[in-house]
C-alpha atoms as a PDB file:
ATOM      1  CA  MET A   1      14.779  24.313   8.932  1.00  0.00           C
ATOM      2  CA  ASN A   2      11.801  23.295   6.820  1.00  0.00           C
ATOM      3  CA  ARG A   3      10.671  19.743   6.064  1.00  0.00           C
ATOM      4  CA  GLN A   4      12.538  19.488   2.723  1.00  0.00           C
ATOM      5  CA  HIS A   5      15.834  20.491   4.375  1.00  0.00           C
ATOM      6  CA  ILE A   6      15.300  18.021   7.202  1.00  0.00           C
ATOM      7  CA  LEU A   7      14.588  15.168   4.776  1.00  0.00           C
ATOM      8  CA  LYS A   8      17.618  16.011   2.663  1.00  0.00           C
ATOM      9  CA  ALA A   9      19.791  16.056   5.795  1.00  0.00           C
ATOM     10  CA  VAL A  10      18.434  12.663   6.743  1.00  0.00           C
ATOM     11  CA  ALA A  11      19.178  11.330   3.277  1.00  0.00           C
ATOM     12  CA  VAL A  12      22.789  12.480   3.472  1.00  0.00           C
ATOM     13  CA  ALA A  13      23.255  11.021   6.934  1.00  0.00           C
ATOM     14  CA  LEU A  14      21.879   7.637   5.813  1.00  0.00           C
ATOM     15  CA  LEU A  15      24.160   7.513   2.835  1.00  0.00           C
ATOM     16  CA  PHE A  16      27.102   8.483   5.027  1.00  0.00           C
ATOM     17  CA  CYS A  17      26.278   5.656   7.425  1.00  0.00           C
ATOM     18  CA  GLY A  18      26.518   3.137   4.648  1.00  0.00           C
ATOM     19  CA  TRP A  19      22.880   2.516   3.649  1.00  0.00           C
ATOM     20  CA  ALA A  20      23.857   2.797   0.010  1.00  0.00           C
ATOM     21  CA  LYS A  21      25.722  -0.539   0.001  1.00  0.00           C
ATOM     22  CA  ALA A  22      24.601  -3.460  -2.170  1.00  0.00           C
ATOM     23  CA  ALA A  23      21.118  -4.729  -1.315  1.00  0.00           C
ATOM     24  CA  ASN A  24      20.489  -7.980   0.456  1.00  0.00           C
ATOM     25  CA  ILE A  25      17.218  -9.819  -0.333  1.00  0.00           C
ATOM     26  CA  ILE A  26      15.719 -12.306   2.128  1.00  0.00           C
ATOM     27  CA  THR A  27      12.679 -14.436   1.409  1.00  0.00           C
ATOM     28  CA  PHE A  28      10.378 -15.797   4.101  1.00  0.00           C
ATOM     29  CA  ASP A  29       7.108 -17.611   4.845  1.00  0.00           C
ATOM     30  CA  ALA A  30       4.827 -16.981   7.759  1.00  0.00           C
ATOM     31  CA  PRO A  31       4.286 -19.968  10.098  1.00  0.00           C
ATOM     32  CA  GLY A  32       1.138 -21.750   8.942  1.00  0.00           C
ATOM     33  CA  ALA A  33       1.239 -20.304   5.395  1.00  0.00           C
ATOM     34  CA  CYS A  34       0.416 -22.849   2.764  1.00  0.00           C
ATOM     35  CA  THR A  35       3.536 -23.200   0.634  1.00  0.00           C
ATOM     36  CA  SER A  36       1.954 -25.673  -1.780  1.00  0.00           C
ATOM     37  CA  CYS A  37      -1.301 -23.824  -2.587  1.00  0.00           C
ATOM     38  CA  ALA A  38      -1.307 -22.151  -5.979  1.00  0.00           C
ATOM     39  CA  GLY A  39      -1.896 -18.398  -5.900  1.00  0.00           C
ATOM     40  CA  THR A  40      -1.622 -18.086  -2.144  1.00  0.00           C
ATOM     41  CA  GLY A  41       0.961 -18.067   0.670  1.00  0.00           C
ATOM     42  CA  THR A  42       2.571 -15.088   2.371  1.00  0.00           C
ATOM     43  CA  LEU A  43       1.810 -11.497   1.313  1.00  0.00           C
ATOM     44  CA  PRO A  44       3.587  -8.593   3.063  1.00  0.00           C
ATOM     45  CA  THR A  45       1.812  -5.245   2.833  1.00  0.00           C
ATOM     46  CA  ASP A  46       3.940  -2.694   4.694  1.00  0.00           C
ATOM     47  CA  ILE A  47       7.268  -1.987   6.385  1.00  0.00           C
ATOM     48  CA  ASN A  48       8.158   0.608   9.008  1.00  0.00           C
ATOM     49  CA  LEU A  49      11.387   2.507   9.759  1.00  0.00           C
ATOM     50  CA  LEU A  50      12.564  -0.256  12.139  1.00  0.00           C
ATOM     51  CA  GLY A  51      12.210  -2.877   9.458  1.00  0.00           C
ATOM     52  CA  THR A  52       9.124  -4.451  11.008  1.00  0.00           C
ATOM     53  CA  ILE A  53       6.856  -5.931   8.330  1.00  0.00           C
ATOM     54  CA  THR A  54       3.198  -6.681   8.493  1.00  0.00           C
ATOM     55  CA  GLY A  55       0.938  -8.512   6.053  1.00  0.00           C
ATOM     56  CA  TYR A  56      -1.234 -11.634   5.866  1.00  0.00           C
ATOM     57  CA  TYR A  57      -0.982 -15.263   4.752  1.00  0.00           C
ATOM     58  CA  PHE A  58      -3.368 -17.949   3.696  1.00  0.00           C
ATOM     59  CA  ASP A  59      -3.412 -21.381   5.339  1.00  0.00           C
ATOM     60  CA  ALA A  60      -4.233 -24.685   3.618  1.00  0.00           C
ATOM     61  CA  SER A  61      -7.982 -23.988   4.011  1.00  0.00           C
ATOM     62  CA  GLY A  62      -7.675 -20.635   2.224  1.00  0.00           C
ATOM     63  CA  VAL A  63      -8.345 -18.563   5.384  1.00  0.00           C
ATOM     64  CA  GLY A  64      -6.327 -15.356   5.809  1.00  0.00           C
ATOM     65  CA  HIS A  65      -4.399 -14.555   8.997  1.00  0.00           C
ATOM     66  CA  GLY A  66      -2.260 -11.557  10.008  1.00  0.00           C
ATOM     67  CA  PHE A  67       1.410 -11.499  10.783  1.00  0.00           C
ATOM     68  CA  VAL A  68       4.117  -9.176  11.980  1.00  0.00           C
ATOM     69  CA  ARG A  69       7.828  -9.880  11.282  1.00  0.00           C
ATOM     70  CA  ASN A  70      10.511  -8.027  13.189  1.00  0.00           C
ATOM     71  CA  LEU A  71      13.918  -6.987  11.840  1.00  0.00           C
ATOM     72  CA  TRP A  72      15.508 -10.182  13.176  1.00  0.00           C
ATOM     73  CA  GLY A  73      13.109 -12.416  11.307  1.00  0.00           C
ATOM     74  CA  THR A  74      10.814 -13.446  14.173  1.00  0.00           C
ATOM     75  CA  ILE A  75       7.210 -13.783  12.935  1.00  0.00           C
ATOM     76  CA  THR A  76       4.157 -13.463  15.133  1.00  0.00           C
ATOM     77  CA  THR A  77       0.811 -14.426  13.733  1.00  0.00           C
ATOM     78  CA  PHE A  78      -2.582 -13.104  14.854  1.00  0.00           C
ATOM     79  CA  ASP A  79      -6.300 -12.936  14.148  1.00  0.00           C
ATOM     80  CA  ALA A  80      -8.746 -10.200  14.957  1.00  0.00           C
ATOM     81  CA  PRO A  81     -11.475 -11.291  17.490  1.00  0.00           C
ATOM     82  CA  GLY A  82     -14.530 -12.347  15.601  1.00  0.00           C
ATOM     83  CA  ALA A  83     -12.665 -12.868  12.323  1.00  0.00           C
ATOM     84  CA  LEU A  84     -13.934 -16.076  10.734  1.00  0.00           C
ATOM     85  CA  SER A  85     -13.278 -15.438   7.070  1.00  0.00           C
ATOM     86  CA  GLY A  86      -9.863 -13.755   7.337  1.00  0.00           C
ATOM     87  CA  THR A  87      -7.764 -11.106   9.004  1.00  0.00           C
ATOM     88  CA  PHE A  88      -5.886  -8.670   6.703  1.00  0.00           C
ATOM     89  CA  PRO A  89      -3.356  -6.185   8.100  1.00  0.00           C
ATOM     90  CA  ILE A  90      -2.506  -3.449   5.655  1.00  0.00           C
ATOM     91  CA  SER A  91      -0.408  -0.749   7.346  1.00  0.00           C
ATOM     92  CA  ILE A  92       2.090  -0.347  10.234  1.00  0.00           C
ATOM     93  CA  ASN A  93       3.409   2.908  11.658  1.00  0.00           C
ATOM     94  CA  GLN A  94       6.798   3.620  13.294  1.00  0.00           C
ATOM     95  CA  ALA A  95       5.496   2.784  16.748  1.00  0.00           C
ATOM     96  CA  GLY A  96       4.351  -0.675  15.596  1.00  0.00           C
ATOM     97  CA  VAL A  97       0.621   0.089  15.486  1.00  0.00           C
ATOM     98  CA  ILE A  98      -1.016  -2.044  12.776  1.00  0.00           C
ATOM     99  CA  VAL A  99      -4.349  -1.451  11.058  1.00  0.00           C
ATOM    100  CA  GLY A 100      -6.372  -3.500   8.631  1.00  0.00           C
ATOM    101  CA  TYR A 101      -9.669  -5.266   8.307  1.00  0.00           C
ATOM    102  CA  TYR A 102     -11.324  -8.582   8.868  1.00  0.00           C
ATOM    103  CA  SER A 103     -14.542 -10.267   7.755  1.00  0.00           C
ATOM    104  CA  ASP A 104     -16.941 -12.026  10.080  1.00  0.00           C
ATOM    105  CA  ALA A 105     -19.137 -15.132   9.684  1.00  0.00           C
ATOM    106  CA  ASN A 106     -21.599 -13.051   7.599  1.00  0.00           C
ATOM    107  CA  GLN A 107     -18.869 -11.680   5.293  1.00  0.00           C
ATOM    108  CA  VAL A 108     -19.250  -8.168   6.785  1.00  0.00           C
ATOM    109  CA  PHE A 109     -16.018  -6.169   6.935  1.00  0.00           C
ATOM    110  CA  HIS A 110     -14.751  -4.536  10.141  1.00  0.00           C
ATOM    111  CA  GLY A 111     -11.668  -2.411  10.582  1.00  0.00           C
ATOM    112  CA  PHE A 112      -9.184  -3.014  13.381  1.00  0.00           C
ATOM    113  CA  LEU A 113      -6.247  -1.408  15.133  1.00  0.00           C
ATOM    114  CA  ARG A 114      -3.618  -3.627  16.754  1.00  0.00           C
ATOM    115  CA  ALA A 115      -1.445  -2.022  19.454  1.00  0.00           C
ATOM    116  CA  PRO A 116       2.260  -2.919  19.589  1.00  0.00           C
ATOM    117  CA  GLU A 117       1.680  -5.257  22.561  1.00  0.00           C
ATOM    118  CA  GLY A 118      -1.020  -7.091  20.600  1.00  0.00           C
ATOM    119  CA  ALA A 119      -4.327  -5.700  21.871  1.00  0.00           C
ATOM    120  CA  ILE A 120      -6.803  -5.403  19.005  1.00  0.00           C
ATOM    121  CA  THR A 121      -9.596  -2.767  18.773  1.00  0.00           C
ATOM    122  CA  PRO A 122     -12.376  -3.029  16.180  1.00  0.00           C
ATOM    123  CA  ILE A 123     -13.161   0.038  14.086  1.00  0.00           C
ATOM    124  CA  ASN A 124     -16.603   0.525  12.544  1.00  0.00           C
ATOM    125  CA  THR A 125     -18.005   3.651  10.896  1.00  0.00           C
ATOM    126  CA  PRO A 126     -21.596   4.489  11.762  1.00  0.00           C
ATOM    127  CA  SER A 127     -22.768   4.734   8.154  1.00  0.00           C
ATOM    128  CA  ALA A 128     -21.294   1.399   7.022  1.00  0.00           C
ATOM    129  CA  GLY A 129     -23.685  -1.274   5.824  1.00  0.00           C
ATOM    130  CA  ASP A 130     -24.198  -4.546   7.653  1.00  0.00           C
ATOM    131  CA  GLY A 131     -24.747  -6.885   4.766  1.00  0.00           C
ATOM    132  CA  ALA A 132     -22.322  -9.328   3.100  1.00  0.00           C
ATOM    133  CA  GLY A 133     -19.611  -7.323   1.321  1.00  0.00           C
ATOM    134  CA  GLN A 134     -20.423  -4.140   3.232  1.00  0.00           C
ATOM    135  CA  GLY A 135     -18.796  -2.611   6.332  1.00  0.00           C
ATOM    136  CA  THR A 136     -15.584  -0.837   7.237  1.00  0.00           C
ATOM    137  CA  VAL A 137     -12.057  -1.315   5.733  1.00  0.00           C
ATOM    138  CA  VAL A 138      -9.148   0.457   7.433  1.00  0.00           C
ATOM    139  CA  LEU A 139      -6.153   0.896   5.146  1.00  0.00           C
ATOM    140  CA  ASP A 140      -3.605   3.241   6.676  1.00  0.00           C
ATOM    141  CA  VAL A 141      -2.300   4.587   9.985  1.00  0.00           C
ATOM    142  CA  ASN A 142       0.082   7.517  10.356  1.00  0.00           C
ATOM    143  CA  GLN A 143       2.617   8.309  13.076  1.00  0.00           C
ATOM    144  CA  LEU A 144       0.051  10.337  15.024  1.00  0.00           C
ATOM    145  CA  GLY A 145      -2.410   7.460  15.183  1.00  0.00           C
ATOM    146  CA  GLU A 146      -4.823   8.847  12.586  1.00  0.00           C
ATOM    147  CA  THR A 147      -6.336   6.166  10.397  1.00  0.00           C
ATOM    148  CA  ALA A 148      -7.972   6.279   6.951  1.00  0.00           C
ATOM    149  CA  GLY A 149      -9.958   3.881   4.854  1.00  0.00           C
ATOM    150  CA  SER A 150     -13.256   3.236   3.197  1.00  0.00           C
ATOM    151  CA  PHE A 151     -16.662   2.099   4.285  1.00  0.00           C
ATOM    152  CA  ILE A 152     -19.231   0.355   2.061  1.00  0.00           C
ATOM    153  CA  ASP A 153     -22.791   1.465   2.702  1.00  0.00           C
ATOM    154  CA  GLY A 154     -26.007  -0.544   2.386  1.00  0.00           C
ATOM    155  CA  SER A 155     -26.100   0.264  -1.401  1.00  0.00           C
ATOM    156  CA  TYR A 156     -22.555  -1.002  -1.890  1.00  0.00           C
ATOM    157  CA  VAL A 157     -21.210   2.501  -2.502  1.00  0.00           C
ATOM    158  CA  TYR A 158     -17.685   3.175  -1.225  1.00  0.00           C
ATOM    159  CA  HIS A 159     -16.955   6.286   0.904  1.00  0.00           C
ATOM    160  CA  ALA A 160     -13.560   7.511   2.239  1.00  0.00           C
ATOM    161  CA  PHE A 161     -13.059   8.425   5.896  1.00  0.00           C
ATOM    162  CA  LEU A 162     -10.456   9.783   8.257  1.00  0.00           C
ATOM    163  CA  ARG A 163     -10.445   8.704  11.955  1.00  0.00           C
ATOM    164  CA  SER A 164      -8.744  10.795  14.618  1.00  0.00           C
ATOM    165  CA  PRO A 165      -6.681   9.040  17.346  1.00  0.00           C
ATOM    166  CA  ASN A 166      -9.587   9.561  19.816  1.00  0.00           C
ATOM    167  CA  GLY A 167     -12.079   7.931  17.435  1.00  0.00           C
ATOM    168  CA  VAL A 168     -13.788  10.854  15.741  1.00  0.00           C
ATOM    169  CA  ILE A 169     -14.640   9.869  12.169  1.00  0.00           C
ATOM    170  CA  THR A 170     -14.827  12.347   9.280  1.00  0.00           C
ATOM    171  CA  THR A 171     -16.297  11.347   5.955  1.00  0.00           C
ATOM    172  CA  VAL A 172     -14.446  12.792   2.996  1.00  0.00           C
ATOM    173  CA  GLN A 173     -16.570  15.222   0.985  1.00  0.00           C
ATOM    174  CA  VAL A 174     -16.438  14.471  -2.732  1.00  0.00           C
ATOM    175  CA  PRO A 175     -17.421  16.182  -6.016  1.00  0.00           C
ATOM    176  CA  PRO A 176     -21.101  15.991  -7.086  1.00  0.00           C
ATOM    177  CA  GLY A 177     -21.817  12.887  -9.162  1.00  0.00           C
ATOM    178  CA  THR A 178     -19.119  10.769  -7.568  1.00  0.00           C
ATOM    179  CA  GLN A 179     -20.123   7.091  -7.647  1.00  0.00           C
ATOM    180  CA  SER A 180     -17.541   5.665  -5.194  1.00  0.00           C
ATOM    181  CA  ILE A 181     -14.266   6.771  -3.584  1.00  0.00           C
ATOM    182  CA  PHE A 182     -11.411   4.535  -2.536  1.00  0.00           C
ATOM    183  CA  VAL A 183      -8.557   5.313  -0.102  1.00  0.00           C
ATOM    184  CA  THR A 184      -5.434   3.336  -0.910  1.00  0.00           C
ATOM    185  CA  GLY A 185      -3.104   1.723   1.613  1.00  0.00           C
ATOM    186  CA  PRO A 186      -0.675   1.365   3.144  1.00  0.00           C
ATOM    187  CA  ASP A 187       0.705   4.791   2.146  1.00  0.00           C
ATOM    188  CA  GLY A 188      -2.401   6.762   1.252  1.00  0.00           C
ATOM    189  CA  LEU A 189      -2.326   8.909   4.458  1.00  0.00           C
ATOM    190  CA  ASN A 190       0.634  11.087   5.501  1.00  0.00           C
ATOM    191  CA  MET A 191       1.601  12.472   8.891  1.00  0.00           C
ATOM    192  CA  GLU A 192      -0.135  15.813   8.245  1.00  0.00           C
ATOM    193  CA  GLY A 193      -3.488  14.059   7.595  1.00  0.00           C
ATOM    194  CA  ALA A 194      -3.493  14.420   3.824  1.00  0.00           C
ATOM    195  CA  ILE A 195      -5.082  11.507   1.947  1.00  0.00           C
ATOM    196  CA  THR A 196      -4.718  10.199  -1.640  1.00  0.00           C
ATOM    197  CA  GLY A 197      -6.748   7.680  -3.490  1.00  0.00           C
ATOM    198  CA  TYR A 198      -9.127   7.547  -6.482  1.00  0.00           C
ATOM    199  CA  TYR A 199     -12.805   7.966  -7.195  1.00  0.00           C
ATOM    200  CA  ALA A 200     -15.281   7.090  -9.893  1.00  0.00           C
ATOM    201  CA  ASP A 201     -17.134   9.969 -11.580  1.00  0.00           C
ATOM    202  CA  ALA A 202     -20.700   9.900 -13.016  1.00  0.00           C
ATOM    203  CA  SER A 203     -19.385   7.965 -16.015  1.00  0.00           C
ATOM    204  CA  PHE A 204     -17.477   5.497 -13.752  1.00  0.00           C
ATOM    205  CA  ILE A 205     -14.148   6.884 -14.921  1.00  0.00           C
ATOM    206  CA  PHE A 206     -11.459   6.803 -12.226  1.00  0.00           C
ATOM    207  CA  HIS A 207      -9.521   9.935 -11.243  1.00  0.00           C
ATOM    208  CA  GLY A 208      -6.819  10.423  -8.637  1.00  0.00           C
ATOM    209  CA  PHE A 209      -7.482  12.741  -5.694  1.00  0.00           C
ATOM    210  CA  LEU A 210      -5.639  14.497  -2.907  1.00  0.00           C
ATOM    211  CA  ARG A 211      -7.554  15.648   0.179  1.00  0.00           C
ATOM    212  CA  ASN A 212      -5.385  18.097   2.073  1.00  0.00           C
ATOM    213  CA  PRO A 213      -5.526  18.547   5.895  1.00  0.00           C
ATOM    214  CA  SER A 214      -7.874  21.514   5.592  1.00  0.00           C
ATOM    215  CA  GLY A 215     -10.427  19.283   3.807  1.00  0.00           C
ATOM    216  CA  ASP A 216      -9.958  20.626   0.310  1.00  0.00           C
ATOM    217  CA  PHE A 217     -10.554  17.927  -2.317  1.00  0.00           C
ATOM    218  CA  ILE A 218      -8.273  18.115  -5.395  1.00  0.00           C
ATOM    219  CA  SER A 219      -8.923  15.880  -8.402  1.00  0.00           C
ATOM    220  CA  PHE A 220      -6.119  15.054 -10.785  1.00  0.00           C
ATOM    221  CA  ASP A 221      -5.109  13.150 -13.903  1.00  0.00           C
ATOM    222  CA  PRO A 222      -1.734  13.071 -15.717  1.00  0.00           C
ATOM    223  CA  PRO A 223      -1.833  14.354 -19.315  1.00  0.00           C
ATOM    224  CA  ASP A 224      -3.636  11.995 -21.705  1.00  0.00           C
ATOM    225  CA  ALA A 225      -4.789   9.637 -18.929  1.00  0.00           C
ATOM    226  CA  SER A 226      -7.852   7.567 -19.641  1.00  0.00           C
ATOM    227  CA  PHE A 227      -8.135   6.855 -15.947  1.00  0.00           C
ATOM    228  CA  THR A 228      -5.922   7.452 -12.917  1.00  0.00           C
ATOM    229  CA  LEU A 229      -5.243   5.675  -9.617  1.00  0.00           C
ATOM    230  CA  GLY A 230      -3.786   7.632  -6.716  1.00  0.00           C
ATOM    231  CA  ILE A 231      -1.704   5.108  -4.701  1.00  0.00           C
ATOM    232  CA  SER A 232       0.800   6.653  -2.323  1.00  0.00           C
ATOM    233  CA  LEU A 233       1.567   9.963  -0.651  1.00  0.00           C
ATOM    234  CA  ASN A 234       4.580  11.201   1.307  1.00  0.00           C
ATOM    235  CA  LEU A 235       5.098  13.879   3.933  1.00  0.00           C
ATOM    236  CA  LEU A 236       5.868  16.618   1.429  1.00  0.00           C
ATOM    237  CA  GLY A 237       2.600  15.983  -0.402  1.00  0.00           C
ATOM    238  CA  THR A 238       4.118  14.243  -3.407  1.00  0.00           C
ATOM    239  CA  CYS A 239       1.825  11.561  -4.838  1.00  0.00           C
ATOM    240  CA  ALA A 240       2.684   8.479  -6.861  1.00  0.00           C
ATOM    241  CA  GLY A 241       0.492   6.065  -8.682  1.00  0.00           C
ATOM    242  CA  PHE A 242      -0.365   4.787 -12.146  1.00  0.00           C
ATOM    243  CA  PHE A 243      -2.619   5.637 -15.005  1.00  0.00           C
ATOM    244  CA  TYR A 244      -3.895   4.096 -18.173  1.00  0.00           C
ATOM    245  CA  GLN A 245      -3.588   5.470 -21.682  1.00  0.00           C
ATOM    246  CA  ASP A 246      -5.808   4.147 -24.470  1.00  0.00           C
ATOM    247  CA  ALA A 247      -3.180   5.059 -27.042  1.00  0.00           C
ATOM    248  CA  SER A 248      -0.538   2.769 -25.537  1.00  0.00           C
ATOM    249  CA  GLY A 249      -2.846   0.193 -24.035  1.00  0.00           C
ATOM    250  CA  GLY A 250      -0.894  -0.123 -20.764  1.00  0.00           C
ATOM    251  CA  PHE A 251      -0.353   1.307 -17.312  1.00  0.00           C
ATOM    252  CA  HIS A 252       2.349   3.881 -16.645  1.00  0.00           C
ATOM    253  CA  GLY A 253       3.780   5.404 -13.467  1.00  0.00           C
ATOM    254  CA  TYR A 254       3.515   9.029 -12.457  1.00  0.00           C
ATOM    255  CA  VAL A 255       4.791  11.343  -9.750  1.00  0.00           C
ATOM    256  CA  ARG A 256       2.677  14.399  -8.926  1.00  0.00           C
ATOM    257  CA  ALA A 257       4.573  17.192  -7.179  1.00  0.00           C
ATOM    258  CA  PRO A 258       2.932  19.388  -4.529  1.00  0.00           C
ATOM    259  CA  ASP A 259       2.580  22.175  -7.103  1.00  0.00           C
ATOM    260  CA  GLY A 260       0.507  19.850  -9.293  1.00  0.00           C
ATOM    261  CA  SER A 261       3.024  19.153 -11.976  1.00  0.00           C
ATOM    262  CA  PHE A 262       3.510  15.578 -13.259  1.00  0.00           C
ATOM    263  CA  LYS A 263       6.382  13.372 -14.319  1.00  0.00           C
ATOM    264  CA  THR A 264       5.506  10.051 -15.921  1.00  0.00           C
ATOM    265  CA  PHE A 265       7.789   7.010 -16.116  1.00  0.00           C
ATOM    266  CA  ASP A 266       8.265   3.410 -17.037  1.00  0.00           C
ATOM    267  CA  PRO A 267      11.147   1.055 -16.225  1.00  0.00           C
ATOM    268  CA  THR A 268      13.022  -0.135 -19.327  1.00  0.00           C
ATOM    269  CA  GLY A 269      11.271  -3.063 -20.866  1.00  0.00           C
ATOM    270  CA  SER A 270       7.941  -2.431 -19.068  1.00  0.00           C
ATOM    271  CA  SER A 271       4.657  -3.180 -20.680  1.00  0.00           C
ATOM    272  CA  ASP A 272       2.724  -2.487 -17.466  1.00  0.00           C
ATOM    273  CA  THR A 273       4.055  -0.292 -14.621  1.00  0.00           C
ATOM    274  CA  HIS A 274       2.588  -0.256 -11.117  1.00  0.00           C
ATOM    275  CA  PRO A 275       4.182   2.123  -8.534  1.00  0.00           C
ATOM    276  CA  ASN A 276       3.038   1.122  -5.051  1.00  0.00           C
ATOM    277  CA  SER A 277       4.834   3.225  -2.463  1.00  0.00           C
ATOM    278  CA  ILE A 278       6.714   6.526  -2.142  1.00  0.00           C
ATOM    279  CA  ASN A 279       8.803   7.277   0.943  1.00  0.00           C
ATOM    280  CA  ASP A 280       9.503  10.714   2.418  1.00  0.00           C
ATOM    281  CA  LEU A 281      12.682  11.069   0.402  1.00  0.00           C
ATOM    282  CA  GLY A 282      10.750  10.584  -2.855  1.00  0.00           C
ATOM    283  CA  GLU A 283      11.984   7.051  -3.590  1.00  0.00           C
ATOM    284  CA  ILE A 284       9.291   5.025  -5.372  1.00  0.00           C
ATOM    285  CA  VAL A 285       8.976   1.264  -5.416  1.00  0.00           C
ATOM    286  CA  GLY A 286       6.681  -0.994  -7.391  1.00  0.00           C
ATOM    287  CA  SER A 287       6.578  -3.605  -9.969  1.00  0.00           C
ATOM    288  CA  TYR A 288       6.307  -3.930 -13.699  1.00  0.00           C
ATOM    289  CA  ALA A 289       5.506  -6.639 -16.244  1.00  0.00           C
ATOM    290  CA  ASP A 290       7.888  -7.339 -19.133  1.00  0.00           C
ATOM    291  CA  SER A 291       6.828  -8.379 -22.644  1.00  0.00           C
ATOM    292  CA  SER A 292       6.423 -11.982 -21.395  1.00  0.00           C
ATOM    293  CA  PHE A 293       4.212 -10.755 -18.549  1.00  0.00           C
ATOM    294  CA  VAL A 294       6.842 -11.685 -15.934  1.00  0.00           C
ATOM    295  CA  PHE A 295       6.957  -9.299 -12.987  1.00  0.00           C
ATOM    296  CA  HIS A 296       9.998  -7.452 -11.671  1.00  0.00           C
ATOM    297  CA  GLY A 297      10.516  -5.080  -8.775  1.00  0.00           C
ATOM    298  CA  PHE A 298      11.855  -1.571  -9.271  1.00  0.00           C
ATOM    299  CA  VAL A 299      13.166   1.428  -7.281  1.00  0.00           C
ATOM    300  CA  ARG A 300      12.855   4.909  -8.755  1.00  0.00           C
ATOM    301  CA  ARG A 301      15.198   7.463  -7.225  1.00  0.00           C
ATOM    302  CA  PRO A 302      14.063  11.074  -6.781  1.00  0.00           C
ATOM    303  CA  ALA A 303      16.203  12.161  -9.762  1.00  0.00           C
ATOM    304  CA  GLY A 304      14.450   9.628 -11.969  1.00  0.00           C
ATOM    305  CA  VAL A 305      16.941   6.810 -12.140  1.00  0.00           C
ATOM    306  CA  ILE A 306      15.228   3.425 -12.089  1.00  0.00           C
ATOM    307  CA  THR A 307      16.779   0.129 -10.893  1.00  0.00           C
ATOM    308  CA  SER A 308      14.989  -3.140 -11.421  1.00  0.00           C
ATOM    309  CA  PHE A 309      15.553  -6.274  -9.355  1.00  0.00           C
ATOM    310  CA  ASP A 310      14.309  -9.874  -8.838  1.00  0.00           C
ATOM    311  CA  ALA A 311      14.073 -11.640  -5.452  1.00  0.00           C
ATOM    312  CA  PRO A 312      15.634 -15.110  -5.182  1.00  0.00           C
ATOM    313  CA  GLY A 313      13.188 -17.840  -6.178  1.00  0.00           C
ATOM    314  CA  ALA A 314      10.990 -15.507  -8.269  1.00  0.00           C
ATOM    315  CA  GLY A 315       9.379 -17.348 -11.138  1.00  0.00           C
ATOM    316  CA  THR A 316      10.034 -16.699 -14.819  1.00  0.00           C
ATOM    317  CA  GLN A 317       6.689 -17.949 -16.151  1.00  0.00           C
ATOM    318  CA  PRO A 318       3.908 -15.491 -17.234  1.00  0.00           C
ATOM    319  CA  GLY A 319       2.228 -14.043 -14.189  1.00  0.00           C
ATOM    320  CA  ALA A 320       5.074 -14.991 -11.814  1.00  0.00           C
ATOM    321  CA  GLY A 321       7.952 -12.886 -10.561  1.00  0.00           C
ATOM    322  CA  THR A 322       8.657 -10.108  -8.031  1.00  0.00           C
ATOM    323  CA  THR A 323       6.203  -7.530  -6.684  1.00  0.00           C
ATOM    324  CA  SER A 324       7.406  -4.689  -4.451  1.00  0.00           C
ATOM    325  CA  VAL A 325       4.668  -3.222  -2.262  1.00  0.00           C
ATOM    326  CA  ALA A 326       6.210  -0.883   0.293  1.00  0.00           C
ATOM    327  CA  ASN A 327       9.476   0.884   1.249  1.00  0.00           C
ATOM    328  CA  ASN A 328      10.686   2.784   4.307  1.00  0.00           C
ATOM    329  CA  LEU A 329      12.806   5.915   4.810  1.00  0.00           C
ATOM    330  CA  LEU A 330      15.973   3.798   4.925  1.00  0.00           C
ATOM    331  CA  GLY A 331      15.332   2.272   1.566  1.00  0.00           C
ATOM    332  CA  ALA A 332      14.260  -1.199   2.806  1.00  0.00           C
ATOM    333  CA  ILE A 333      11.569  -2.790   0.575  1.00  0.00           C
ATOM    334  CA  THR A 334       9.112  -5.532   1.206  1.00  0.00           C
ATOM    335  CA  GLY A 335       6.888  -7.427  -1.189  1.00  0.00           C
ATOM    336  CA  GLU A 336       6.119 -10.860  -2.570  1.00  0.00           C
ATOM    337  CA  ILE A 337       7.390 -13.275  -5.095  1.00  0.00           C
ATOM    338  CA  GLU A 338       5.405 -15.899  -7.030  1.00  0.00           C
ATOM    339  CA  ASP A 339       7.532 -18.906  -8.016  1.00  0.00           C
ATOM    340  CA  ASP A 340       7.103 -21.093 -11.048  1.00  0.00           C
ATOM    341  CA  ASN A 341       4.758 -23.335  -9.101  1.00  0.00           C
ATOM    342  CA  SER A 342       2.471 -20.344  -8.476  1.00  0.00           C
ATOM    343  CA  TYR A 343       3.348 -20.396  -4.696  1.00  0.00           C
ATOM    344  CA  VAL A 344       3.630 -16.965  -3.076  1.00  0.00           C
ATOM    345  CA  HIS A 345       6.390 -15.975  -0.560  1.00  0.00           C
ATOM    346  CA  GLY A 346       7.342 -12.748   1.199  1.00  0.00           C
ATOM    347  CA  PHE A 347      10.654 -10.948   0.794  1.00  0.00           C
ATOM    348  CA  VAL A 348      12.520  -8.023   2.339  1.00  0.00           C
ATOM    349  CA  ARG A 349      15.218  -6.161   0.405  1.00  0.00           C
ATOM    350  CA  LEU A 350      17.644  -4.534   2.836  1.00  0.00           C
ATOM    351  CA  PRO A 351      19.668  -1.545   1.572  1.00  0.00           C
END
């Protein structure tokens, strides 16, 4: 049985077990998060198959701290050793391994890996710069323990890297003339070691890319795109992200199949579409802005049907609303809401 058949069988089993019932949305705040600070609060970044969520929050002093929330709602906060300006978890795998980055007293970035029991290991790439705004940023971890991210060199140029479970670091080779390359998280690395992201060419135009496990670098753009951001990648090699068109003046979603074909989409009423995560069944979640610039979450099914939703407490003022950032294989979604006071809270939408 190949991977596609396995995933289809999983999908049927999940539906049979009742995962297609009406969604339940729970909002939450990490302990210590400032709930009266405009523009900050609790910001989830990823969710694994067990419903464990990671992310970060800002305290009343504006310092970022990491958190992990289990399926039952218990939240544990943490900081990477040596983090003085903030700890920012980005990705969690099915085993509960969390990766992210932190900044030290000199504003230098360092990656980290947090084991399920809480031990934290720093990750630094040899070619990363050691000045303010330079260093290593880890953005994704897969089920095998491989990690991916970017490092910023001494000239403030971004480079992509892949790190094996035993610590061997491979720098992604890019087309000639590339100015900078960015790996996206938390879903830019799949279990086979393929990576998606985006890079700037010699004219500083962004293009999406897929680096397959053999090391081949594939650049891509949907038809008529002025620039493209690769955001998420699933096990089958399907990419999702968004692109900009000068003609329409807005962002639009796309799905790129493993054969290189594209489907573009926008939720009804969208003036700005931002897909953020695709799971291994091909379900895409993200957010979009309506004509009043209020944000709403959405789920796009593999067949193309799009359902929008709003989490309880989401604001209705311009710039406020619901932002979905990640989904798991069971259809659970996490993200953030901004209320009408500009305070930010986390949410989980259970299928």
